[in-house]
Amino acid sequence: MLGEKVVKISPESIEVSTHGHQSITEWRVVKSIEETSAYFFVFIDNLLAYIIPKNSFKDKDGLEQFKNLMFELDL
């Protein structure tokens, strides 16, 4: 789905909302997370991933909190 998205991250799940659509994925079903210099790829299966640009975090603290959560969840 292209276009603007709102991503909410909690210790339980990742929630992605667009105009007229909402998806909530519990971390327990996430297969892996890959990190590049500009993005996080949150893989739900081998061919489906949420793509989260690093520059979409409000600040460096938000980015570090996300990284810490991924470490704690061992993803």
N, C-alpha and C. Protein backbone atom coordinates (compact mmCIF):
# COMPACT_ATOMS: atom_id res chain seq x y z
N MET A 1 0.84 -1.16 0.00
CA MET A 1 0.00 0.00 0.00
C MET A 1 0.89 1.24 0.00
N LEU A 2 0.72 2.06 -0.98
CA LEU A 2 1.51 3.28 -1.08
C LEU A 2 0.78 4.43 -0.43
N GLY A 3 1.50 5.48 -0.14
CA GLY A 3 0.91 6.67 0.45
C GLY A 3 1.34 6.85 1.89
N GLU A 4 0.84 7.90 2.50
CA GLU A 4 1.21 8.22 3.87
C GLU A 4 0.64 7.18 4.83
N LYS A 5 1.47 6.80 5.80
CA LYS A 5 1.07 5.83 6.81
C LYS A 5 1.42 6.37 8.18
N VAL A 6 0.67 5.93 9.17
CA VAL A 6 0.97 6.22 10.56
C VAL A 6 1.33 4.89 11.20
N VAL A 7 2.52 4.83 11.80
CA VAL A 7 2.99 3.60 12.44
C VAL A 7 3.07 3.85 13.93
N LYS A 8 2.41 2.99 14.71
CA LYS A 8 2.47 3.05 16.17
C LYS A 8 3.14 1.76 16.65
N ILE A 9 4.14 1.93 17.48
CA ILE A 9 4.91 0.79 17.96
C ILE A 9 4.74 0.69 19.47
N SER A 10 4.41 -0.50 19.92
CA SER A 10 4.29 -0.76 21.36
C SER A 10 5.04 -2.04 21.68
N PRO A 11 5.23 -2.35 22.94
CA PRO A 11 5.89 -3.62 23.28
C PRO A 11 5.11 -4.85 22.83
N GLU A 12 3.82 -4.70 22.53
CA GLU A 12 2.99 -5.83 22.12
C GLU A 12 2.86 -5.98 20.62
N SER A 13 2.88 -4.85 19.88
CA SER A 13 2.55 -4.93 18.46
C SER A 13 3.06 -3.73 17.68
N ILE A 14 2.91 -3.87 16.36
CA ILE A 14 3.15 -2.76 15.44
C ILE A 14 1.81 -2.51 14.73
N GLU A 15 1.39 -1.26 14.71
CA GLU A 15 0.11 -0.89 14.12
C GLU A 15 0.37 0.08 12.97
N VAL A 16 -0.16 -0.24 11.81
CA VAL A 16 0.02 0.60 10.63
C VAL A 16 -1.35 1.04 10.14
N SER A 17 -1.53 2.35 10.02
CA SER A 17 -2.80 2.90 9.58
C SER A 17 -2.60 3.76 8.34
N THR A 18 -3.51 3.62 7.39
CA THR A 18 -3.59 4.49 6.23
C THR A 18 -5.02 4.97 6.15
N HIS A 19 -5.30 5.79 5.19
CA HIS A 19 -6.67 6.26 5.01
C HIS A 19 -7.58 5.07 4.71
N GLY A 20 -8.44 4.72 5.65
CA GLY A 20 -9.40 3.66 5.43
C GLY A 20 -8.91 2.25 5.73
N HIS A 21 -7.69 2.08 6.26
CA HIS A 21 -7.18 0.74 6.54
C HIS A 21 -6.30 0.77 7.78
N GLN A 22 -6.43 -0.29 8.58
CA GLN A 22 -5.60 -0.41 9.78
C GLN A 22 -5.16 -1.87 9.91
N SER A 23 -3.89 -2.06 10.26
CA SER A 23 -3.33 -3.40 10.43
C SER A 23 -2.56 -3.44 11.75
N ILE A 24 -2.87 -4.43 12.58
CA ILE A 24 -2.15 -4.62 13.83
C ILE A 24 -1.49 -5.99 13.78
N THR A 25 -0.16 -5.99 13.99
CA THR A 25 0.61 -7.24 13.96
C THR A 25 1.32 -7.40 15.29
N GLU A 26 1.06 -8.51 15.96
CA GLU A 26 1.75 -8.80 17.21
C GLU A 26 3.19 -9.18 16.91
N TRP A 27 4.11 -8.78 17.78
CA TRP A 27 5.52 -9.06 17.55
C TRP A 27 5.80 -10.55 17.47
N ARG A 28 5.00 -11.37 18.13
CA ARG A 28 5.27 -12.81 18.14
C ARG A 28 5.17 -13.44 16.76
N VAL A 29 4.48 -12.78 15.82
CA VAL A 29 4.37 -13.33 14.47
C VAL A 29 5.40 -12.75 13.50
N VAL A 30 6.19 -11.78 13.97
CA VAL A 30 7.23 -11.18 13.12
C VAL A 30 8.36 -12.20 12.97
N LYS A 31 8.77 -12.44 11.72
CA LYS A 31 9.82 -13.43 11.43
C LYS A 31 11.21 -12.87 11.68
N SER A 32 11.44 -11.63 11.25
CA SER A 32 12.75 -11.02 11.43
C SER A 32 12.66 -9.52 11.16
N ILE A 33 13.73 -8.84 11.56
CA ILE A 33 13.86 -7.41 11.26
C ILE A 33 15.24 -7.20 10.68
N GLU A 34 15.29 -6.52 9.55
CA GLU A 34 16.56 -6.19 8.90
C GLU A 34 16.72 -4.68 8.96
N GLU A 35 17.96 -4.25 9.12
CA GLU A 35 18.24 -2.82 9.22
C GLU A 35 19.27 -2.44 8.16
N THR A 36 18.98 -1.35 7.44
CA THR A 36 19.95 -0.77 6.52
C THR A 36 20.29 0.61 7.05
N SER A 37 21.09 1.33 6.33
CA SER A 37 21.46 2.68 6.78
C SER A 37 20.26 3.62 6.81
N ALA A 38 19.21 3.32 6.02
CA ALA A 38 18.08 4.24 5.92
C ALA A 38 16.73 3.66 6.36
N TYR A 39 16.65 2.31 6.49
CA TYR A 39 15.35 1.67 6.74
C TYR A 39 15.43 0.52 7.73
N PHE A 40 14.25 0.22 8.32
CA PHE A 40 14.02 -1.04 9.00
C PHE A 40 13.02 -1.81 8.15
N PHE A 41 13.24 -3.10 7.97
CA PHE A 41 12.30 -3.98 7.28
C PHE A 41 11.79 -4.97 8.32
N VAL A 42 10.51 -4.90 8.63
CA VAL A 42 9.90 -5.78 9.61
C VAL A 42 9.17 -6.87 8.84
N PHE A 43 9.78 -8.06 8.77
CA PHE A 43 9.25 -9.14 7.94
C PHE A 43 8.18 -9.93 8.69
N ILE A 44 7.01 -10.01 8.05
CA ILE A 44 5.90 -10.81 8.55
C ILE A 44 6.00 -12.22 7.99
N ASP A 45 6.49 -12.33 6.79
CA ASP A 45 6.86 -13.61 6.18
C ASP A 45 7.97 -13.34 5.17
N ASN A 46 8.30 -14.32 4.35
CA ASN A 46 9.44 -14.16 3.44
C ASN A 46 9.25 -13.05 2.40
N LEU A 47 8.02 -12.74 2.06
CA LEU A 47 7.76 -11.77 0.99
C LEU A 47 7.01 -10.51 1.44
N LEU A 48 6.66 -10.44 2.71
CA LEU A 48 5.86 -9.31 3.19
C LEU A 48 6.58 -8.64 4.35
N ALA A 49 6.80 -7.33 4.22
CA ALA A 49 7.48 -6.59 5.29
C ALA A 49 6.92 -5.17 5.38
N TYR A 50 6.89 -4.66 6.60
CA TYR A 50 6.66 -3.23 6.80
C TYR A 50 8.01 -2.56 6.58
N ILE A 51 8.02 -1.49 5.83
CA ILE A 51 9.24 -0.74 5.58
C ILE A 51 9.14 0.57 6.34
N ILE A 52 10.04 0.74 7.30
CA ILE A 52 10.00 1.92 8.16
C ILE A 52 11.24 2.77 7.91
N PRO A 53 11.08 3.93 7.29
CA PRO A 53 12.23 4.81 7.09
C PRO A 53 12.75 5.33 8.44
N LYS A 54 14.04 5.33 8.61
CA LYS A 54 14.61 5.82 9.86
C LYS A 54 14.33 7.30 10.07
N ASN A 55 14.21 8.05 8.98
CA ASN A 55 13.95 9.49 9.12
C ASN A 55 12.48 9.78 9.47
N SER A 56 11.65 8.73 9.61
CA SER A 56 10.26 8.94 9.99
C SER A 56 10.07 9.02 11.51
N PHE A 57 11.11 8.68 12.28
CA PHE A 57 11.01 8.81 13.73
C PHE A 57 11.08 10.30 14.09
N LYS A 58 10.37 10.67 15.13
CA LYS A 58 10.30 12.08 15.52
C LYS A 58 11.67 12.65 15.87
N ASP A 59 12.50 11.80 16.51
CA ASP A 59 13.83 12.25 16.92
C ASP A 59 14.73 11.04 17.13
N LYS A 60 15.98 11.30 17.50
CA LYS A 60 16.93 10.21 17.73
C LYS A 60 16.52 9.32 18.88
N ASP A 61 15.88 9.90 19.90
CA ASP A 61 15.42 9.10 21.03
C ASP A 61 14.39 8.06 20.59
N GLY A 62 13.47 8.46 19.72
CA GLY A 62 12.47 7.52 19.20
C GLY A 62 13.11 6.38 18.43
N LEU A 63 14.10 6.71 17.64
CA LEU A 63 14.84 5.70 16.88
C LEU A 63 15.55 4.74 17.82
N GLU A 64 16.19 5.26 18.84
CA GLU A 64 16.91 4.42 19.81
C GLU A 64 15.94 3.56 20.63
N GLN A 65 14.78 4.10 20.97
CA GLN A 65 13.78 3.31 21.68
C GLN A 65 13.31 2.13 20.84
N PHE A 66 13.12 2.36 19.54
CA PHE A 66 12.72 1.28 18.64
C PHE A 66 13.81 0.21 18.59
N LYS A 67 15.06 0.63 18.43
CA LYS A 67 16.17 -0.32 18.40
C LYS A 67 16.25 -1.12 19.70
N ASN A 68 16.07 -0.45 20.83
CA ASN A 68 16.11 -1.14 22.11
C ASN A 68 14.98 -2.16 22.24
N LEU A 69 13.79 -1.79 21.76
CA LEU A 69 12.65 -2.73 21.80
C LEU A 69 12.96 -3.96 20.94
N MET A 70 13.54 -3.76 19.77
CA MET A 70 13.87 -4.89 18.90
C MET A 70 14.90 -5.81 19.57
N PHE A 71 15.83 -5.20 20.29
CA PHE A 71 16.83 -5.99 21.03
C PHE A 71 16.16 -6.78 22.14
N GLU A 72 15.28 -6.12 22.91
CA GLU A 72 14.57 -6.80 23.99
C GLU A 72 13.69 -7.93 23.49
N LEU A 73 13.08 -7.74 22.33
CA LEU A 73 12.21 -8.78 21.76
C LEU A 73 13.00 -9.86 21.04
N ASP A 74 14.31 -9.63 20.90
CA ASP A 74 15.22 -10.58 20.25
C ASP A 74 14.80 -10.83 18.80
N LEU A 75 14.52 -9.72 18.09
CA LEU A 75 14.13 -9.83 16.67
C LEU A 75 15.26 -9.42 15.77
